[in-house]
C-alpha atoms as a PDB file:
ATOM      1  CA  MET A   1      73.868 -41.028  41.819  1.00  0.00           C
ATOM      2  CA  THR A   2      73.049 -38.337  39.247  1.00  0.00           C
ATOM      3  CA  SER A   3      72.237 -34.666  39.724  1.00  0.00           C
ATOM      4  CA  PRO A   4      68.910 -33.115  38.584  1.00  0.00           C
ATOM      5  CA  ARG A   5      70.630 -32.203  35.320  1.00  0.00           C
ATOM      6  CA  GLY A   6      71.806 -35.741  34.723  1.00  0.00           C
ATOM      7  CA  ARG A   7      75.407 -35.254  35.838  1.00  0.00           C
ATOM      8  CA  ARG A   8      77.083 -38.080  37.702  1.00  0.00           C
ATOM      9  CA  VAL A   9      77.648 -37.268  41.369  1.00  0.00           C
ATOM     10  CA  PRO A  10      80.660 -39.036  42.886  1.00  0.00           C
ATOM     11  CA  ALA A  11      80.063 -41.199  45.904  1.00  0.00           C
ATOM     12  CA  GLY A  12      81.260 -40.492  49.423  1.00  0.00           C
ATOM     13  CA  ARG A  13      82.394 -37.213  50.870  1.00  0.00           C
ATOM     14  CA  ALA A  14      83.261 -35.750  47.467  1.00  0.00           C
ATOM     15  CA  GLY A  15      79.700 -36.288  46.276  1.00  0.00           C
ATOM     16  CA  ARG A  16      78.248 -34.837  49.437  1.00  0.00           C
ATOM     17  CA  LEU A  17      80.451 -31.759  49.112  1.00  0.00           C
ATOM     18  CA  ARG A  18      79.443 -31.272  45.506  1.00  0.00           C
ATOM     19  CA  LEU A  19      75.764 -31.555  46.379  1.00  0.00           C
ATOM     20  CA  ARG A  20      76.137 -29.072  49.219  1.00  0.00           C
ATOM     21  CA  ARG A  21      77.780 -26.592  46.877  1.00  0.00           C
ATOM     22  CA  SER A  22      75.145 -27.142  44.200  1.00  0.00           C
ATOM     23  CA  LEU A  23      72.357 -26.654  46.729  1.00  0.00           C
ATOM     24  CA  ALA A  24      73.937 -23.481  48.102  1.00  0.00           C
ATOM     25  CA  THR A  25      74.357 -22.138  44.565  1.00  0.00           C
ATOM     26  CA  ALA A  26      70.747 -22.942  43.685  1.00  0.00           C
ATOM     27  CA  VAL A  27      69.399 -21.275  46.829  1.00  0.00           C
ATOM     28  CA  ARG A  28      71.557 -18.210  46.286  1.00  0.00           C
ATOM     29  CA  GLY A  29      70.474 -18.080  42.644  1.00  0.00           C
ATOM     30  CA  ALA A  30      66.800 -18.263  43.609  1.00  0.00           C
ATOM     31  CA  ASP A  31      67.276 -15.458  46.144  1.00  0.00           C
ATOM     32  CA  LEU A  32      68.959 -13.252  43.528  1.00  0.00           C
ATOM     33  CA  LEU A  33      66.269 -13.985  40.969  1.00  0.00           C
ATOM     34  CA  GLU A  34      63.549 -13.110  43.477  1.00  0.00           C
ATOM     35  CA  ARG A  35      65.307  -9.801  44.151  1.00  0.00           C
ATOM     36  CA  LYS A  36      65.462  -9.184  40.406  1.00  0.00           C
ATOM     37  CA  LEU A  37      61.777 -10.029  40.117  1.00  0.00           C
ATOM     38  CA  ARG A  38      60.838  -7.531  42.841  1.00  0.00           C
ATOM     39  CA  LEU A  39      62.824  -4.771  41.121  1.00  0.00           C
ATOM     40  CA  LEU A  40      61.265  -5.550  37.751  1.00  0.00           C
ATOM     41  CA  LEU A  41      57.745  -5.570  39.166  1.00  0.00           C
ATOM     42  CA  ASP A  42      58.336  -2.298  41.033  1.00  0.00           C
ATOM     43  CA  ARG A  43      59.596  -0.620  37.867  1.00  0.00           C
ATOM     44  CA  GLU A  44      56.742  -2.083  35.825  1.00  0.00           C
ATOM     45  CA  ARG A  45      54.175  -0.687  38.263  1.00  0.00           C
ATOM     46  CA  THR A  46      55.809   2.735  38.100  1.00  0.00           C
ATOM     47  CA  VAL A  47      55.913   2.654  34.318  1.00  0.00           C
ATOM     48  CA  ARG A  48      52.278   1.585  34.064  1.00  0.00           C
ATOM     49  CA  ARG A  49      51.226   4.467  36.295  1.00  0.00           C
ATOM     50  CA  GLY A  50      53.140   6.751  33.948  1.00  0.00           C
ATOM     51  CA  ALA A  51      51.326   5.187  31.009  1.00  0.00           C
ATOM     52  CA  GLU A  52      47.974   5.822  32.671  1.00  0.00           C
ATOM     53  CA  ASP A  53      48.885   9.477  33.245  1.00  0.00           C
ATOM     54  CA  ALA A  54      50.117   9.862  29.666  1.00  0.00           C
ATOM     55  CA  ASP A  55      46.977   8.219  28.313  1.00  0.00           C
ATOM     56  CA  ARG A  56      44.783  10.606  30.286  1.00  0.00           C
ATOM     57  CA  VAL A  57      46.764  13.639  29.081  1.00  0.00           C
ATOM     58  CA  TRP A  58      46.672  12.375  25.500  1.00  0.00           C
ATOM     59  CA  ARG A  59      42.902  11.884  25.513  1.00  0.00           C
ATOM     60  CA  GLU A  60      42.254  15.251  27.139  1.00  0.00           C
ATOM     61  CA  THR A  61      44.565  17.231  24.883  1.00  0.00           C
ATOM     62  CA  LEU A  62      43.352  15.406  21.775  1.00  0.00           C
ATOM     63  CA  ALA A  63      39.752  16.200  22.614  1.00  0.00           C
ATOM     64  CA  GLU A  64      40.705  19.813  23.242  1.00  0.00           C
ATOM     65  CA  ALA A  65      42.641  19.989  19.988  1.00  0.00           C
ATOM     66  CA  GLU A  66      39.780  18.531  17.967  1.00  0.00           C
ATOM     67  CA  ALA A  67      37.358  21.007  19.538  1.00  0.00           C
ATOM     68  CA  TRP A  68      39.615  23.962  18.660  1.00  0.00           C
ATOM     69  CA  LEU A  69      40.158  22.556  15.188  1.00  0.00           C
ATOM     70  CA  LEU A  70      36.444  22.404  14.561  1.00  0.00           C
ATOM     71  CA  ARG A  71      36.056  26.005  15.675  1.00  0.00           C
ATOM     72  CA  GLY A  72      38.951  27.082  13.496  1.00  0.00           C
ATOM     73  CA  VAL A  73      37.547  25.373  10.417  1.00  0.00           C
ATOM     74  CA  LEU A  74      34.132  26.887  11.032  1.00  0.00           C
ATOM     75  CA  LEU A  75      35.737  30.310  11.285  1.00  0.00           C
ATOM     76  CA  GLY A  76      38.242  30.111   8.430  1.00  0.00           C
ATOM     77  CA  GLY A  77      37.154  27.196   6.282  1.00  0.00           C
ATOM     78  CA  GLU A  78      39.126  24.095   5.356  1.00  0.00           C
ATOM     79  CA  SER A  79      41.583  26.168   3.334  1.00  0.00           C
ATOM     80  CA  ALA A  80      42.767  27.723   6.601  1.00  0.00           C
ATOM     81  CA  LEU A  81      44.260  24.364   7.649  1.00  0.00           C
ATOM     82  CA  ALA A  82      47.025  24.662   5.054  1.00  0.00           C
ATOM     83  CA  GLU A  83      48.167  27.868   6.712  1.00  0.00           C
ATOM     84  CA  ALA A  84      47.961  26.488  10.246  1.00  0.00           C
ATOM     85  CA  ALA A  85      50.648  23.798  10.103  1.00  0.00           C
ATOM     86  CA  PRO A  86      54.371  24.642   9.720  1.00  0.00           C
ATOM     87  CA  ALA A  87      56.331  22.827   7.031  1.00  0.00           C
ATOM     88  CA  ASP A  88      58.949  21.631   9.526  1.00  0.00           C
ATOM     89  CA  ARG A  89      58.373  18.391  11.399  1.00  0.00           C
ATOM     90  CA  ALA A  90      58.598  17.661  15.098  1.00  0.00           C
ATOM     91  CA  GLY A  91      61.623  15.727  16.359  1.00  0.00           C
ATOM     92  CA  VAL A  92      61.407  12.699  18.649  1.00  0.00           C
ATOM     93  CA  ASP A  93      64.383  11.089  20.357  1.00  0.00           C
ATOM     94  CA  VAL A  94      63.878   8.093  22.651  1.00  0.00           C
ATOM     95  CA  ARG A  95      66.174   7.703  25.644  1.00  0.00           C
ATOM     96  CA  TRP A  96      66.812   4.160  26.863  1.00  0.00           C
ATOM     97  CA  SER A  97      67.511   2.656  30.255  1.00  0.00           C
ATOM     98  CA  VAL A  98      68.652  -0.721  31.541  1.00  0.00           C
ATOM     99  CA  LEU A  99      67.332  -2.471  34.649  1.00  0.00           C
ATOM    100  CA  MET A 100      68.636  -5.904  35.624  1.00  0.00           C
ATOM    101  CA  GLY A 101      69.714  -6.522  32.044  1.00  0.00           C
ATOM    102  CA  VAL A 102      66.413  -5.360  30.527  1.00  0.00           C
ATOM    103  CA  ARG A 103      66.874  -2.546  28.019  1.00  0.00           C
ATOM    104  CA  HIS A 104      63.703  -0.483  27.731  1.00  0.00           C
ATOM    105  CA  PRO A 105      62.655   3.015  26.627  1.00  0.00           C
ATOM    106  CA  ALA A 106      62.715   5.459  29.510  1.00  0.00           C
ATOM    107  CA  ALA A 107      61.752   8.891  28.175  1.00  0.00           C
ATOM    108  CA  VAL A 108      61.203  10.977  25.057  1.00  0.00           C
ATOM    109  CA  ASP A 109      63.040  14.135  24.100  1.00  0.00           C
ATOM    110  CA  TRP A 110      60.596  16.144  22.018  1.00  0.00           C
ATOM    111  CA  SER A 111      61.265  19.155  19.822  1.00  0.00           C
ATOM    112  CA  ASP A 112      58.289  20.994  18.341  1.00  0.00           C
ATOM    113  CA  ALA A 113      58.067  21.843  14.682  1.00  0.00           C
ATOM    114  CA  VAL A 114      59.363  25.354  14.026  1.00  0.00           C
ATOM    115  CA  ARG A 115      57.578  27.755  11.698  1.00  0.00           C
ATOM    116  CA  SER A 116      59.976  29.682   9.506  1.00  0.00           C
ATOM    117  CA  PRO A 117      59.652  33.491   9.301  1.00  0.00           C
ATOM    118  CA  SER A 118      58.343  33.170   5.770  1.00  0.00           C
ATOM    119  CA  GLU A 119      55.495  30.867   6.781  1.00  0.00           C
ATOM    120  CA  ARG A 120      52.159  32.324   7.705  1.00  0.00           C
ATOM    121  CA  THR A 121      50.757  31.857  11.184  1.00  0.00           C
ATOM    122  CA  PRO A 122      47.317  30.285  11.753  1.00  0.00           C
ATOM    123  CA  PRO A 123      44.681  32.639  10.339  1.00  0.00           C
ATOM    124  CA  ASN A 124      42.536  32.615  13.480  1.00  0.00           C
ATOM    125  CA  THR A 125      42.949  32.167  17.221  1.00  0.00           C
ATOM    126  CA  ALA A 126      41.041  28.877  17.301  1.00  0.00           C
ATOM    127  CA  LEU A 127      43.517  27.235  14.915  1.00  0.00           C
ATOM    128  CA  ALA A 128      46.414  28.628  16.967  1.00  0.00           C
ATOM    129  CA  HIS A 129      44.940  26.950  20.043  1.00  0.00           C
ATOM    130  CA  ALA A 130      44.364  23.774  18.026  1.00  0.00           C
ATOM    131  CA  GLU A 131      48.001  23.732  16.914  1.00  0.00           C
ATOM    132  CA  ARG A 132      49.213  24.087  20.482  1.00  0.00           C
ATOM    133  CA  ALA A 133      46.813  21.388  21.716  1.00  0.00           C
ATOM    134  CA  PHE A 134      47.769  18.957  18.930  1.00  0.00           C
ATOM    135  CA  ARG A 135      51.433  19.389  19.831  1.00  0.00           C
ATOM    136  CA  ALA A 136      50.663  18.564  23.451  1.00  0.00           C
ATOM    137  CA  ALA A 137      48.639  15.531  22.345  1.00  0.00           C
ATOM    138  CA  ALA A 138      51.481  14.325  20.131  1.00  0.00           C
ATOM    139  CA  ARG A 139      53.941  14.649  23.012  1.00  0.00           C
ATOM    140  CA  ALA A 140      51.566  12.726  25.284  1.00  0.00           C
ATOM    141  CA  ALA A 141      51.134  10.033  22.618  1.00  0.00           C
ATOM    142  CA  ALA A 142      54.901   9.616  22.349  1.00  0.00           C
ATOM    143  CA  ASP A 143      55.180   9.459  26.134  1.00  0.00           C
ATOM    144  CA  LEU A 144      52.381   6.883  26.236  1.00  0.00           C
ATOM    145  CA  ALA A 145      54.136   4.758  23.617  1.00  0.00           C
ATOM    146  CA  VAL A 146      57.389   4.831  25.597  1.00  0.00           C
ATOM    147  CA  HIS A 147      55.716   3.817  28.852  1.00  0.00           C
ATOM    148  CA  THR A 148      53.644   1.098  27.197  1.00  0.00           C
ATOM    149  CA  ALA A 149      56.646  -0.437  25.429  1.00  0.00           C
ATOM    150  CA  ALA A 150      58.728  -0.311  28.610  1.00  0.00           C
ATOM    151  CA  ALA A 151      55.957  -1.959  30.634  1.00  0.00           C
ATOM    152  CA  GLU A 152      55.646  -4.789  28.112  1.00  0.00           C
ATOM    153  CA  LEU A 153      59.394  -5.446  28.063  1.00  0.00           C
ATOM    154  CA  LEU A 154      59.645  -5.390  31.854  1.00  0.00           C
ATOM    155  CA  ALA A 155      56.577  -7.619  32.230  1.00  0.00           C
ATOM    156  CA  ALA A 156      57.992 -10.173  29.789  1.00  0.00           C
ATOM    157  CA  GLU A 157      61.302 -10.356  31.646  1.00  0.00           C
ATOM    158  CA  ALA A 158      59.477 -10.530  34.983  1.00  0.00           C
ATOM    159  CA  GLU A 159      57.489 -13.528  33.744  1.00  0.00           C
ATOM    160  CA  ARG A 160      60.654 -15.290  32.554  1.00  0.00           C
ATOM    161  CA  THR A 161      62.300 -14.588  35.908  1.00  0.00           C
ATOM    162  CA  ARG A 162      59.230 -15.853  37.771  1.00  0.00           C
ATOM    163  CA  GLN A 163      59.369 -19.114  35.831  1.00  0.00           C
ATOM    164  CA  ARG A 164      63.046 -19.577  36.643  1.00  0.00           C
ATOM    165  CA  VAL A 165      62.393 -18.969  40.341  1.00  0.00           C
ATOM    166  CA  ARG A 166      59.494 -21.423  40.264  1.00  0.00           C
ATOM    167  CA  SER A 167      61.684 -24.036  38.609  1.00  0.00           C
ATOM    168  CA  LEU A 168      64.398 -23.603  41.230  1.00  0.00           C
ATOM    169  CA  ARG A 169      62.070 -23.530  44.241  1.00  0.00           C
ATOM    170  CA  ARG A 170      59.749 -26.343  43.168  1.00  0.00           C
ATOM    171  CA  HIS A 171      62.044 -28.715  41.316  1.00  0.00           C
ATOM    172  CA  TRP A 172      65.770 -28.046  41.363  1.00  0.00           C
ATOM    173  CA  ILE A 173      66.253 -27.230  45.057  1.00  0.00           C
ATOM    174  CA  PRO A 174      63.987 -30.029  46.414  1.00  0.00           C
ATOM    175  CA  ARG A 175      65.771 -32.598  44.242  1.00  0.00           C
ATOM    176  CA  LEU A 176      69.162 -31.416  45.420  1.00  0.00           C
ATOM    177  CA  ARG A 177      68.005 -31.570  49.026  1.00  0.00           C
ATOM    178  CA  ASP A 178      66.671 -35.092  48.528  1.00  0.00           C
ATOM    179  CA  GLN A 179      69.925 -36.170  46.908  1.00  0.00           C
ATOM    180  CA  LEU A 180      71.968 -34.548  49.665  1.00  0.00           C
ATOM    181  CA  THR A 181      69.889 -36.330  52.317  1.00  0.00           C
ATOM    182  CA  ALA A 182      70.361 -39.645  50.502  1.00  0.00           C
ATOM    183  CA  ALA A 183      74.103 -39.037  50.138  1.00  0.00           C
ATOM    184  CA  GLU A 184      74.454 -38.182  53.828  1.00  0.00           C
ATOM    185  CA  LEU A 185      72.507 -41.282  54.851  1.00  0.00           C
ATOM    186  CA  ALA A 186      74.599 -43.466  52.536  1.00  0.00           C
ATOM    187  CA  LEU A 187      77.816 -41.946  53.847  1.00  0.00           C
ATOM    188  CA  GLU A 188      76.673 -42.384  57.441  1.00  0.00           C
ATOM    189  CA  ALA A 189      75.800 -46.030  56.738  1.00  0.00           C
ATOM    190  CA  ALA A 190      79.155 -46.607  55.038  1.00  0.00           C
ATOM    191  CA  GLU A 191      81.044 -45.041  57.934  1.00  0.00           C
ATOM    192  CA  HIS A 192      79.049 -47.151  60.392  1.00  0.00           C
ATOM    193  CA  GLU A 193      79.855 -50.310  58.438  1.00  0.00           C
ATOM    194  CA  GLU A 194      83.518 -49.352  58.321  1.00  0.00           C
ATOM    195  CA  ALA A 195      83.548 -48.802  62.077  1.00  0.00           C
ATOM    196  CA  VAL A 196      81.939 -52.203  62.639  1.00  0.00           C
ATOM    197  CA  ARG A 197      84.509 -53.886  60.389  1.00  0.00           C
ATOM    198  CA  ARG A 198      87.322 -52.195  62.234  1.00  0.00           C
ATOM    199  CA  ARG A 199      85.996 -53.280  65.600  1.00  0.00           C
ATOM    200  CA  TRP A 200      85.527 -56.810  64.303  1.00  0.00           C
ATOM    201  CA  ALA A 201      89.058 -56.834  62.866  1.00  0.00           C
ATOM    202  CA  ALA A 202      90.461 -55.499  66.143  1.00  0.00           C
ATOM    203  CA  THR A 203      88.573 -58.172  68.106  1.00  0.00           C
ATOM    204  CA  ARG A 204      89.936 -60.947  65.854  1.00  0.00           C
ATOM    205  CA  ALA A 205      93.466 -59.595  66.166  1.00  0.00           C
ATOM    206  CA  GLY A 206      93.132 -59.500  69.961  1.00  0.00           C
ATOM    207  CA  ARG A 207      92.050 -63.105  70.016  1.00  0.00           C
END
């Protein structure tokens, strides 16, 4: 007899014991994988809700920023844009997390660009509002990117885990159970035959 993976299963009690252990391991593995799958799906749902919130904030703040920008340009002209943006750049640092072996981005640490004392401030209030709104939109975009990437990584691992569970539940475990049933029946038949032979031998010796 061979196992589902092609390994030779010894006959008799040793084979039955090995099959029982293999079946118990497979069932326990499927249970653990299903627990992992539930955790992954729960985290994915949470992350996707965060992505939806970030997407809404990004769209709202971007629309607000573009509206203020248009007002600022109408008030100060296109040349005013050069004075509105600081020379320094914003800083983005992604923090990572691990869930059930899946490493995924968890949050963004954001630092706004800083205008040096020598740099001029936006020449009108509309451009000042636009600058503030564009910063909020950029933060929301970074947050959206983090949530989207995390959701994709978690979803991919969840699908792989689901396939492994399906393989265990539909193929591996049923085959092991069938082999264990066959081994138990064969062992029972062998023990019955041995008992018959012993009774027959005892009867002959008595005669």
